[in-house]
Amino acid sequence: NSVTIDDTGVYYCALVDGLCSLDRFLVDHWGQGTQVT
């Protein structure tokens, strides 16, 4: 909601075998991404 130009980019879904994490190095599985402009 209330998107700004700074929200532009490719958004990736990811799965982590562990705690809820925003750390890319802990990702076990990546999706291919979807573009938001």
PDB file of all heavy atoms in Angstrom:
ATOM      1  N   ASN A   1       0.829  -1.195   0.000  1.00  0.00           N
ATOM      2  CA  ASN A   1       0.000   0.000   0.000  1.00  0.00           C
ATOM      3  C   ASN A   1       0.868   1.251   0.000  1.00  0.00           C
ATOM      4  O   ASN A   1       2.017   1.228   0.434  1.00  0.00           O
ATOM      5  CB  ASN A   1      -0.930   0.023   1.218  1.00  0.00           C
ATOM      6  CG  ASN A   1      -1.991  -1.041   1.183  1.00  0.00           C
ATOM      7  OD1 ASN A   1      -2.477  -1.420   0.121  1.00  0.00           O
ATOM      8  ND2 ASN A   1      -2.375  -1.524   2.365  1.00  0.00           N
ATOM      9  N   SER A   2       0.289   2.348  -0.455  1.00  0.00           N
ATOM     10  CA  SER A   2       0.971   3.645  -0.448  1.00  0.00           C
ATOM     11  C   SER A   2       2.370   3.550  -1.031  1.00  0.00           C
ATOM     12  O   SER A   2       3.341   4.037  -0.452  1.00  0.00           O
ATOM     13  CB  SER A   2       1.018   4.197   0.986  1.00  0.00           C
ATOM     14  OG  SER A   2      -0.282   4.334   1.532  1.00  0.00           O
ATOM     15  N   VAL A   3       2.480   2.940  -2.185  1.00  0.00           N
ATOM     16  CA  VAL A   3       3.791   2.682  -2.771  1.00  0.00           C
ATOM     17  C   VAL A   3       4.447   3.981  -3.221  1.00  0.00           C
ATOM     18  O   VAL A   3       3.777   4.960  -3.573  1.00  0.00           O
ATOM     19  CB  VAL A   3       3.706   1.694  -3.939  1.00  0.00           C
ATOM     20  CG1 VAL A   3       3.186   0.347  -3.453  1.00  0.00           C
ATOM     21  CG2 VAL A   3       2.833   2.238  -5.058  1.00  0.00           C
ATOM     22  N   THR A   4       5.765   3.977  -3.201  1.00  0.00           N
ATOM     23  CA  THR A   4       6.573   5.085  -3.684  1.00  0.00           C
ATOM     24  C   THR A   4       7.527   4.583  -4.751  1.00  0.00           C
ATOM     25  O   THR A   4       7.685   3.376  -4.957  1.00  0.00           O
ATOM     26  CB  THR A   4       7.374   5.735  -2.546  1.00  0.00           C
ATOM     27  OG1 THR A   4       8.475   4.895  -2.189  1.00  0.00           O
ATOM     28  CG2 THR A   4       6.499   5.968  -1.328  1.00  0.00           C
ATOM     29  N   ILE A   5       8.200   5.515  -5.416  1.00  0.00           N
ATOM     30  CA  ILE A   5       9.144   5.136  -6.451  1.00  0.00           C
ATOM     31  C   ILE A   5      10.267   4.264  -5.886  1.00  0.00           C
ATOM     32  O   ILE A   5      10.832   3.435  -6.610  1.00  0.00           O
ATOM     33  CB  ILE A   5       9.712   6.383  -7.155  1.00  0.00           C
ATOM     34  CG1 ILE A   5      10.513   5.989  -8.396  1.00  0.00           C
ATOM     35  CG2 ILE A   5      10.552   7.203  -6.196  1.00  0.00           C
ATOM     36  CD1 ILE A   5      10.899   7.167  -9.261  1.00  0.00           C
ATOM     37  N   ASP A   6      10.572   4.417  -4.612  1.00  0.00           N
ATOM     38  CA  ASP A   6      11.619   3.608  -3.992  1.00  0.00           C
ATOM     39  C   ASP A   6      11.221   2.146  -3.822  1.00  0.00           C
ATOM     40  O   ASP A   6      12.072   1.309  -3.501  1.00  0.00           O
ATOM     41  CB  ASP A   6      12.003   4.190  -2.629  1.00  0.00           C
ATOM     42  CG  ASP A   6      12.701   5.528  -2.728  1.00  0.00           C
ATOM     43  OD1 ASP A   6      13.334   5.805  -3.760  1.00  0.00           O
ATOM     44  OD2 ASP A   6      12.617   6.308  -1.750  1.00  0.00           O
ATOM     45  N   ASP A   7       9.949   1.837  -4.017  1.00  0.00           N
ATOM     46  CA  ASP A   7       9.501   0.454  -3.944  1.00  0.00           C
ATOM     47  C   ASP A   7       9.697  -0.293  -5.254  1.00  0.00           C
ATOM     48  O   ASP A   7       9.412  -1.494  -5.328  1.00  0.00           O
ATOM     49  CB  ASP A   7       8.028   0.397  -3.540  1.00  0.00           C
ATOM     50  CG  ASP A   7       7.784   0.928  -2.145  1.00  0.00           C
ATOM     51  OD1 ASP A   7       8.609   0.656  -1.250  1.00  0.00           O
ATOM     52  OD2 ASP A   7       6.760   1.615  -1.942  1.00  0.00           O
ATOM     53  N   THR A   8      10.156   0.385  -6.276  1.00  0.00           N
ATOM     54  CA  THR A   8      10.395  -0.242  -7.569  1.00  0.00           C
ATOM     55  C   THR A   8      11.496  -1.295  -7.465  1.00  0.00           C
ATOM     56  O   THR A   8      12.499  -1.090  -6.783  1.00  0.00           O
ATOM     57  CB  THR A   8      10.782   0.809  -8.608  1.00  0.00           C
ATOM     58  OG1 THR A   8       9.662   1.671  -8.860  1.00  0.00           O
ATOM     59  CG2 THR A   8      11.200   0.167  -9.928  1.00  0.00           C
ATOM     60  N   GLY A   9      11.306  -2.408  -8.142  1.00  0.00           N
ATOM     61  CA  GLY A   9      12.317  -3.442  -8.187  1.00  0.00           C
ATOM     62  C   GLY A   9      11.720  -4.814  -8.404  1.00  0.00           C
ATOM     63  O   GLY A   9      10.506  -4.974  -8.475  1.00  0.00           O
ATOM     64  N   VAL A  10      12.588  -5.790  -8.510  1.00  0.00           N
ATOM     65  CA  VAL A  10      12.166  -7.178  -8.633  1.00  0.00           C
ATOM     66  C   VAL A  10      11.986  -7.752  -7.237  1.00  0.00           C
ATOM     67  O   VAL A  10      12.908  -7.710  -6.419  1.00  0.00           O
ATOM     68  CB  VAL A  10      13.184  -8.013  -9.427  1.00  0.00           C
ATOM     69  CG1 VAL A  10      12.728  -9.462  -9.515  1.00  0.00           C
ATOM     70  CG2 VAL A  10      13.374  -7.433 -10.824  1.00  0.00           C
ATOM     71  N   TYR A  11      10.826  -8.292  -6.981  1.00  0.00           N
ATOM     72  CA  TYR A  11      10.508  -8.862  -5.676  1.00  0.00           C
ATOM     73  C   TYR A  11      10.599 -10.376  -5.734  1.00  0.00           C
ATOM     74  O   TYR A  11      10.042 -11.013  -6.630  1.00  0.00           O
ATOM     75  CB  TYR A  11       9.110  -8.426  -5.231  1.00  0.00           C
ATOM     76  CG  TYR A  11       9.082  -7.007  -4.722  1.00  0.00           C
ATOM     77  CD1 TYR A  11       9.269  -5.932  -5.584  1.00  0.00           C
ATOM     78  CD2 TYR A  11       8.879  -6.743  -3.367  1.00  0.00           C
ATOM     79  CE1 TYR A  11       9.269  -4.630  -5.114  1.00  0.00           C
ATOM     80  CE2 TYR A  11       8.872  -5.444  -2.894  1.00  0.00           C
ATOM     81  CZ  TYR A  11       9.068  -4.389  -3.768  1.00  0.00           C
ATOM     82  OH  TYR A  11       9.053  -3.098  -3.294  1.00  0.00           O
ATOM     83  N   TYR A  12      11.305 -10.947  -4.759  1.00  0.00           N
ATOM     84  CA  TYR A  12      11.557 -12.370  -4.706  1.00  0.00           C
ATOM     85  C   TYR A  12      10.908 -12.995  -3.480  1.00  0.00           C
ATOM     86  O   TYR A  12      11.017 -12.457  -2.371  1.00  0.00           O
ATOM     87  CB  TYR A  12      13.060 -12.658  -4.645  1.00  0.00           C
ATOM     88  CG  TYR A  12      13.848 -12.154  -5.824  1.00  0.00           C
ATOM     89  CD1 TYR A  12      14.379 -10.872  -5.829  1.00  0.00           C
ATOM     90  CD2 TYR A  12      14.066 -12.961  -6.929  1.00  0.00           C
ATOM     91  CE1 TYR A  12      15.104 -10.405  -6.909  1.00  0.00           C
ATOM     92  CE2 TYR A  12      14.791 -12.503  -8.016  1.00  0.00           C
ATOM     93  CZ  TYR A  12      15.311 -11.224  -7.997  1.00  0.00           C
ATOM     94  OH  TYR A  12      16.037 -10.758  -9.065  1.00  0.00           O
ATOM     95  N   CYS A  13      10.274 -14.102  -3.681  1.00  0.00           N
ATOM     96  CA  CYS A  13       9.785 -14.939  -2.601  1.00  0.00           C
ATOM     97  C   CYS A  13      10.883 -15.925  -2.211  1.00  0.00           C
ATOM     98  O   CYS A  13      11.612 -16.427  -3.073  1.00  0.00           O
ATOM     99  CB  CYS A  13       8.528 -15.679  -3.057  1.00  0.00           C
ATOM    100  SG  CYS A  13       7.765 -16.757  -1.830  1.00  0.00           S
ATOM    101  N   ALA A  14      11.014 -16.194  -0.919  1.00  0.00           N
ATOM    102  CA  ALA A  14      12.088 -17.060  -0.451  1.00  0.00           C
ATOM    103  C   ALA A  14      11.638 -17.855   0.759  1.00  0.00           C
ATOM    104  O   ALA A  14      10.819 -17.389   1.558  1.00  0.00           O
ATOM    105  CB  ALA A  14      13.328 -16.233  -0.094  1.00  0.00           C
ATOM    106  N   LEU A  15      12.196 -19.046   0.905  1.00  0.00           N
ATOM    107  CA  LEU A  15      11.915 -19.918   2.040  1.00  0.00           C
ATOM    108  C   LEU A  15      13.171 -20.109   2.873  1.00  0.00           C
ATOM    109  O   LEU A  15      14.271 -20.240   2.333  1.00  0.00           O
ATOM    110  CB  LEU A  15      11.393 -21.272   1.563  1.00  0.00           C
ATOM    111  CG  LEU A  15      10.054 -21.257   0.818  1.00  0.00           C
ATOM    112  CD1 LEU A  15       9.707 -22.659   0.327  1.00  0.00           C
ATOM    113  CD2 LEU A  15       8.946 -20.725   1.714  1.00  0.00           C
ATOM    114  N   VAL A  16      12.990 -20.135   4.184  1.00  0.00           N
ATOM    115  CA  VAL A  16      14.083 -20.274   5.129  1.00  0.00           C
ATOM    116  C   VAL A  16      13.764 -21.399   6.095  1.00  0.00           C
ATOM    117  O   VAL A  16      12.687 -21.412   6.704  1.00  0.00           O
ATOM    118  CB  VAL A  16      14.316 -18.962   5.908  1.00  0.00           C
ATOM    119  CG1 VAL A  16      15.407 -19.150   6.954  1.00  0.00           C
ATOM    120  CG2 VAL A  16      14.667 -17.831   4.962  1.00  0.00           C
ATOM    121  N   ASP A  17      14.714 -22.315   6.244  1.00  0.00           N
ATOM    122  CA  ASP A  17      14.568 -23.407   7.210  1.00  0.00           C
ATOM    123  C   ASP A  17      15.069 -22.904   8.551  1.00  0.00           C
ATOM    124  O   ASP A  17      16.178 -23.220   8.987  1.00  0.00           O
ATOM    125  CB  ASP A  17      15.354 -24.635   6.753  1.00  0.00           C
ATOM    126  CG  ASP A  17      15.135 -25.831   7.655  1.00  0.00           C
ATOM    127  OD1 ASP A  17      14.211 -25.790   8.489  1.00  0.00           O
ATOM    128  OD2 ASP A  17      15.888 -26.815   7.534  1.00  0.00           O
ATOM    129  N   GLY A  18      14.246 -22.105   9.192  1.00  0.00           N
ATOM    130  CA  GLY A  18      14.604 -21.512  10.460  1.00  0.00           C
ATOM    131  C   GLY A  18      13.643 -20.395  10.808  1.00  0.00           C
ATOM    132  O   GLY A  18      12.499 -20.367  10.355  1.00  0.00           O
ATOM    133  N   LEU A  19      14.137 -19.469  11.611  1.00  0.00           N
ATOM    134  CA  LEU A  19      13.307 -18.371  12.072  1.00  0.00           C
ATOM    135  C   LEU A  19      12.979 -17.401  10.948  1.00  0.00           C
ATOM    136  O   LEU A  19      13.712 -17.308   9.952  1.00  0.00           O
ATOM    137  CB  LEU A  19      14.009 -17.622  13.203  1.00  0.00           C
ATOM    138  CG  LEU A  19      14.332 -18.414  14.467  1.00  0.00           C
ATOM    139  CD1 LEU A  19      15.121 -17.549  15.438  1.00  0.00           C
ATOM    140  CD2 LEU A  19      13.059 -18.924  15.123  1.00  0.00           C
ATOM    141  N   CYS A  20      11.885 -16.690  11.110  1.00  0.00           N
ATOM    142  CA  CYS A  20      11.541 -15.586  10.231  1.00  0.00           C
ATOM    143  C   CYS A  20      12.752 -14.672  10.094  1.00  0.00           C
ATOM    144  O   CYS A  20      13.285 -14.171  11.086  1.00  0.00           O
ATOM    145  CB  CYS A  20      10.348 -14.846  10.828  1.00  0.00           C
ATOM    146  SG  CYS A  20       9.845 -13.359   9.972  1.00  0.00           S
ATOM    147  N   SER A  21      13.202 -14.458   8.848  1.00  0.00           N
ATOM    148  CA  SER A  21      14.471 -13.783   8.642  1.00  0.00           C
ATOM    149  C   SER A  21      14.437 -12.857   7.436  1.00  0.00           C
ATOM    150  O   SER A  21      13.827 -13.173   6.404  1.00  0.00           O
ATOM    151  CB  SER A  21      15.596 -14.807   8.447  1.00  0.00           C
ATOM    152  OG  SER A  21      16.829 -14.164   8.196  1.00  0.00           O
ATOM    153  N   LEU A  22      15.086 -11.716   7.577  1.00  0.00           N
ATOM    154  CA  LEU A  22      15.294 -10.775   6.483  1.00  0.00           C
ATOM    155  C   LEU A  22      16.731 -10.827   5.973  1.00  0.00           C
ATOM    156  O   LEU A  22      17.151  -9.931   5.235  1.00  0.00           O
ATOM    157  CB  LEU A  22      14.946  -9.357   6.933  1.00  0.00           C
ATOM    158  CG  LEU A  22      13.513  -9.139   7.451  1.00  0.00           C
ATOM    159  CD1 LEU A  22      13.317  -7.693   7.868  1.00  0.00           C
ATOM    160  CD2 LEU A  22      12.492  -9.540   6.400  1.00  0.00           C
ATOM    161  N   ASP A  23      17.468 -11.849   6.347  1.00  0.00           N
ATOM    162  CA  ASP A  23      18.866 -12.017   5.976  1.00  0.00           C
ATOM    163  C   ASP A  23      18.963 -12.884   4.730  1.00  0.00           C
ATOM    164  O   ASP A  23      18.604 -14.070   4.765  1.00  0.00           O
ATOM    165  CB  ASP A  23      19.635 -12.646   7.132  1.00  0.00           C
ATOM    166  CG  ASP A  23      21.130 -12.747   6.887  1.00  0.00           C
ATOM    167  OD1 ASP A  23      21.581 -12.534   5.743  1.00  0.00           O
ATOM    168  OD2 ASP A  23      21.858 -13.040   7.847  1.00  0.00           O
ATOM    169  N   ARG A  24      19.447 -12.323   3.630  1.00  0.00           N
ATOM    170  CA  ARG A  24      19.511 -13.072   2.375  1.00  0.00           C
ATOM    171  C   ARG A  24      20.423 -14.285   2.458  1.00  0.00           C
ATOM    172  O   ARG A  24      20.248 -15.239   1.696  1.00  0.00           O
ATOM    173  CB  ARG A  24      19.950 -12.156   1.231  1.00  0.00           C
ATOM    174  CG  ARG A  24      21.409 -11.716   1.274  1.00  0.00           C
ATOM    175  CD  ARG A  24      21.694 -10.712   0.167  1.00  0.00           C
ATOM    176  NE  ARG A  24      23.109 -10.446  -0.006  1.00  0.00           N
ATOM    177  CZ  ARG A  24      23.801  -9.564   0.712  1.00  0.00           C
ATOM    178  NH1 ARG A  24      23.196  -8.858   1.662  1.00  0.00           N
ATOM    179  NH2 ARG A  24      25.098  -9.378   0.478  1.00  0.00           N
ATOM    180  N   PHE A  25      21.405 -14.265   3.371  1.00  0.00           N
ATOM    181  CA  PHE A  25      22.346 -15.372   3.469  1.00  0.00           C
ATOM    182  C   PHE A  25      21.734 -16.602   4.126  1.00  0.00           C
ATOM    183  O   PHE A  25      22.332 -17.678   4.082  1.00  0.00           O
ATOM    184  CB  PHE A  25      23.599 -14.943   4.236  1.00  0.00           C
ATOM    185  CG  PHE A  25      24.405 -13.907   3.524  1.00  0.00           C
ATOM    186  CD1 PHE A  25      24.494 -12.616   4.024  1.00  0.00           C
ATOM    187  CD2 PHE A  25      25.072 -14.208   2.357  1.00  0.00           C
ATOM    188  CE1 PHE A  25      25.234 -11.650   3.372  1.00  0.00           C
ATOM    189  CE2 PHE A  25      25.816 -13.251   1.685  1.00  0.00           C
ATOM    190  CZ  PHE A  25      25.898 -11.972   2.198  1.00  0.00           C
ATOM    191  N   LEU A  26      20.582 -16.468   4.732  1.00  0.00           N
ATOM    192  CA  LEU A  26      19.907 -17.588   5.357  1.00  0.00           C
ATOM    193  C   LEU A  26      18.871 -18.236   4.459  1.00  0.00           C
ATOM    194  O   LEU A  26      18.243 -19.221   4.852  1.00  0.00           O
ATOM    195  CB  LEU A  26      19.247 -17.146   6.668  1.00  0.00           C
ATOM    196  CG  LEU A  26      20.187 -16.612   7.750  1.00  0.00           C
ATOM    197  CD1 LEU A  26      19.396 -16.222   8.990  1.00  0.00           C
ATOM    198  CD2 LEU A  26      21.249 -17.640   8.110  1.00  0.00           C
ATOM    199  N   VAL A  27      18.686 -17.709   3.265  1.00  0.00           N
ATOM    200  CA  VAL A  27      17.666 -18.226   2.370  1.00  0.00           C
ATOM    201  C   VAL A  27      18.065 -19.594   1.833  1.00  0.00           C
ATOM    202  O   VAL A  27      19.195 -19.791   1.372  1.00  0.00           O
ATOM    203  CB  VAL A  27      17.420 -17.257   1.207  1.00  0.00           C
ATOM    204  CG1 VAL A  27      16.527 -17.892   0.147  1.00  0.00           C
ATOM    205  CG2 VAL A  27      16.790 -15.974   1.731  1.00  0.00           C
ATOM    206  N   ASP A  28      17.134 -20.531   1.872  1.00  0.00           N
ATOM    207  CA  ASP A  28      17.361 -21.869   1.342  1.00  0.00           C
ATOM    208  C   ASP A  28      16.794 -22.052  -0.062  1.00  0.00           C
ATOM    209  O   ASP A  28      17.320 -22.853  -0.843  1.00  0.00           O
ATOM    210  CB  ASP A  28      16.740 -22.914   2.273  1.00  0.00           C
ATOM    211  CG  ASP A  28      17.420 -22.959   3.624  1.00  0.00           C
ATOM    212  OD1 ASP A  28      18.628 -23.270   3.665  1.00  0.00           O
ATOM    213  OD2 ASP A  28      16.746 -22.677   4.636  1.00  0.00           O
ATOM    214  N   HIS A  29      15.731 -21.329  -0.398  1.00  0.00           N
ATOM    215  CA  HIS A  29      15.090 -21.461  -1.692  1.00  0.00           C
ATOM    216  C   HIS A  29      14.614 -20.101  -2.176  1.00  0.00           C
ATOM    217  O   HIS A  29      13.993 -19.348  -1.423  1.00  0.00           O
ATOM    218  CB  HIS A  29      13.899 -22.426  -1.622  1.00  0.00           C
ATOM    219  CG  HIS A  29      14.230 -23.759  -1.038  1.00  0.00           C
ATOM    220  ND1 HIS A  29      14.882 -24.740  -1.759  1.00  0.00           N
ATOM    221  CD2 HIS A  29      14.018 -24.269   0.197  1.00  0.00           C
ATOM    222  CE1 HIS A  29      15.052 -25.803  -0.990  1.00  0.00           C
ATOM    223  NE2 HIS A  29      14.535 -25.548   0.202  1.00  0.00           N
ATOM    224  N   TRP A  30      14.896 -19.792  -3.443  1.00  0.00           N
ATOM    225  CA  TRP A  30      14.501 -18.536  -4.072  1.00  0.00           C
ATOM    226  C   TRP A  30      13.508 -18.771  -5.200  1.00  0.00           C
ATOM    227  O   TRP A  30      13.639 -19.733  -5.965  1.00  0.00           O
ATOM    228  CB  TRP A  30      15.708 -17.824  -4.684  1.00  0.00           C
ATOM    229  CG  TRP A  30      16.706 -17.281  -3.715  1.00  0.00           C
ATOM    230  CD1 TRP A  30      17.886 -17.843  -3.351  1.00  0.00           C
ATOM    231  CD2 TRP A  30      16.628 -16.035  -3.004  1.00  0.00           C
ATOM    232  NE1 TRP A  30      18.553 -17.033  -2.467  1.00  0.00           N
ATOM    233  CE2 TRP A  30      17.800 -15.913  -2.231  1.00  0.00           C
ATOM    234  CE3 TRP A  30      15.678 -15.011  -2.954  1.00  0.00           C
ATOM    235  CZ2 TRP A  30      18.051 -14.813  -1.416  1.00  0.00           C
ATOM    236  CZ3 TRP A  30      15.925 -13.915  -2.140  1.00  0.00           C
ATOM    237  CH2 TRP A  30      17.098 -13.826  -1.383  1.00  0.00           C
ATOM    238  N   GLY A  31      12.551 -17.865  -5.324  1.00  0.00           N
ATOM    239  CA  GLY A  31      11.745 -17.801  -6.521  1.00  0.00           C
ATOM    240  C   GLY A  31      12.462 -17.013  -7.602  1.00  0.00           C
ATOM    241  O   GLY A  31      13.579 -16.515  -7.412  1.00  0.00           O
ATOM    242  N   GLN A  32      11.823 -16.884  -8.758  1.00  0.00           N
ATOM    243  CA  GLN A  32      12.451 -16.230  -9.901  1.00  0.00           C
ATOM    244  C   GLN A  32      12.270 -14.723  -9.909  1.00  0.00           C
ATOM    245  O   GLN A  32      12.972 -14.020 -10.644  1.00  0.00           O
ATOM    246  CB  GLN A  32      11.911 -16.821 -11.205  1.00  0.00           C
ATOM    247  CG  GLN A  32      10.596 -16.226 -11.712  1.00  0.00           C
ATOM    248  CD  GLN A  32       9.390 -16.569 -10.851  1.00  0.00           C
ATOM    249  OE1 GLN A  32       9.429 -17.517 -10.062  1.00  0.00           O
ATOM    250  NE2 GLN A  32       8.318 -15.807 -11.001  1.00  0.00           N
ATOM    251  N   GLY A  33      11.346 -14.207  -9.133  1.00  0.00           N
ATOM    252  CA  GLY A  33      11.125 -12.784  -9.029  1.00  0.00           C
ATOM    253  C   GLY A  33      10.001 -12.281  -9.904  1.00  0.00           C
ATOM    254  O   GLY A  33       9.685 -12.861 -10.944  1.00  0.00           O
ATOM    255  N   THR A  34       9.391 -11.183  -9.484  1.00  0.00           N
ATOM    256  CA  THR A  34       8.368 -10.502 -10.262  1.00  0.00           C
ATOM    257  C   THR A  34       8.616  -9.002 -10.181  1.00  0.00           C
ATOM    258  O   THR A  34       8.923  -8.464  -9.121  1.00  0.00           O
ATOM    259  CB  THR A  34       6.950 -10.872  -9.766  1.00  0.00           C
ATOM    260  OG1 THR A  34       5.967 -10.299 -10.636  1.00  0.00           O
ATOM    261  CG2 THR A  34       6.707 -10.399  -8.344  1.00  0.00           C
ATOM    262  N   GLN A  35       8.497  -8.321 -11.310  1.00  0.00           N
ATOM    263  CA  GLN A  35       8.861  -6.910 -11.415  1.00  0.00           C
ATOM    264  C   GLN A  35       7.741  -6.011 -10.927  1.00  0.00           C
ATOM    265  O   GLN A  35       6.590  -6.147 -11.345  1.00  0.00           O
ATOM    266  CB  GLN A  35       9.208  -6.556 -12.862  1.00  0.00           C
ATOM    267  CG  GLN A  35       9.519  -5.079 -13.103  1.00  0.00           C
ATOM    268  CD  GLN A  35      10.838  -4.652 -12.496  1.00  0.00           C
ATOM    269  OE1 GLN A  35      11.848  -5.329 -12.668  1.00  0.00           O
ATOM    270  NE2 GLN A  35      10.824  -3.529 -11.768  1.00  0.00           N
ATOM    271  N   VAL A  36       8.096  -5.076 -10.061  1.00  0.00           N
ATOM    272  CA  VAL A  36       7.204  -4.018  -9.613  1.00  0.00           C
ATOM    273  C   VAL A  36       7.794  -2.687 -10.041  1.00  0.00           C
ATOM    274  O   VAL A  36       8.947  -2.381  -9.727  1.00  0.00           O
ATOM    275  CB  VAL A  36       7.011  -4.039  -8.089  1.00  0.00           C
ATOM    276  CG1 VAL A  36       6.205  -2.822  -7.630  1.00  0.00           C
ATOM    277  CG2 VAL A  36       6.324  -5.323  -7.655  1.00  0.00           C
ATOM    278  N   THR A  37       7.012  -1.898 -10.762  1.00  0.00           N
ATOM    279  CA  THR A  37       7.449  -0.588 -11.208  1.00  0.00           C
ATOM    280  C   THR A  37       6.468   0.463 -10.718  1.00  0.00           C
ATOM    281  O   THR A  37       5.280   0.410 -11.052  1.00  0.00           O
ATOM    282  CB  THR A  37       7.553  -0.521 -12.739  1.00  0.00           C
ATOM    283  OG1 THR A  37       8.464  -1.512 -13.207  1.00  0.00           O
ATOM    284  CG2 THR A  37       8.037   0.852 -13.175  1.00  0.00           C
TER     285      THR A  37
END
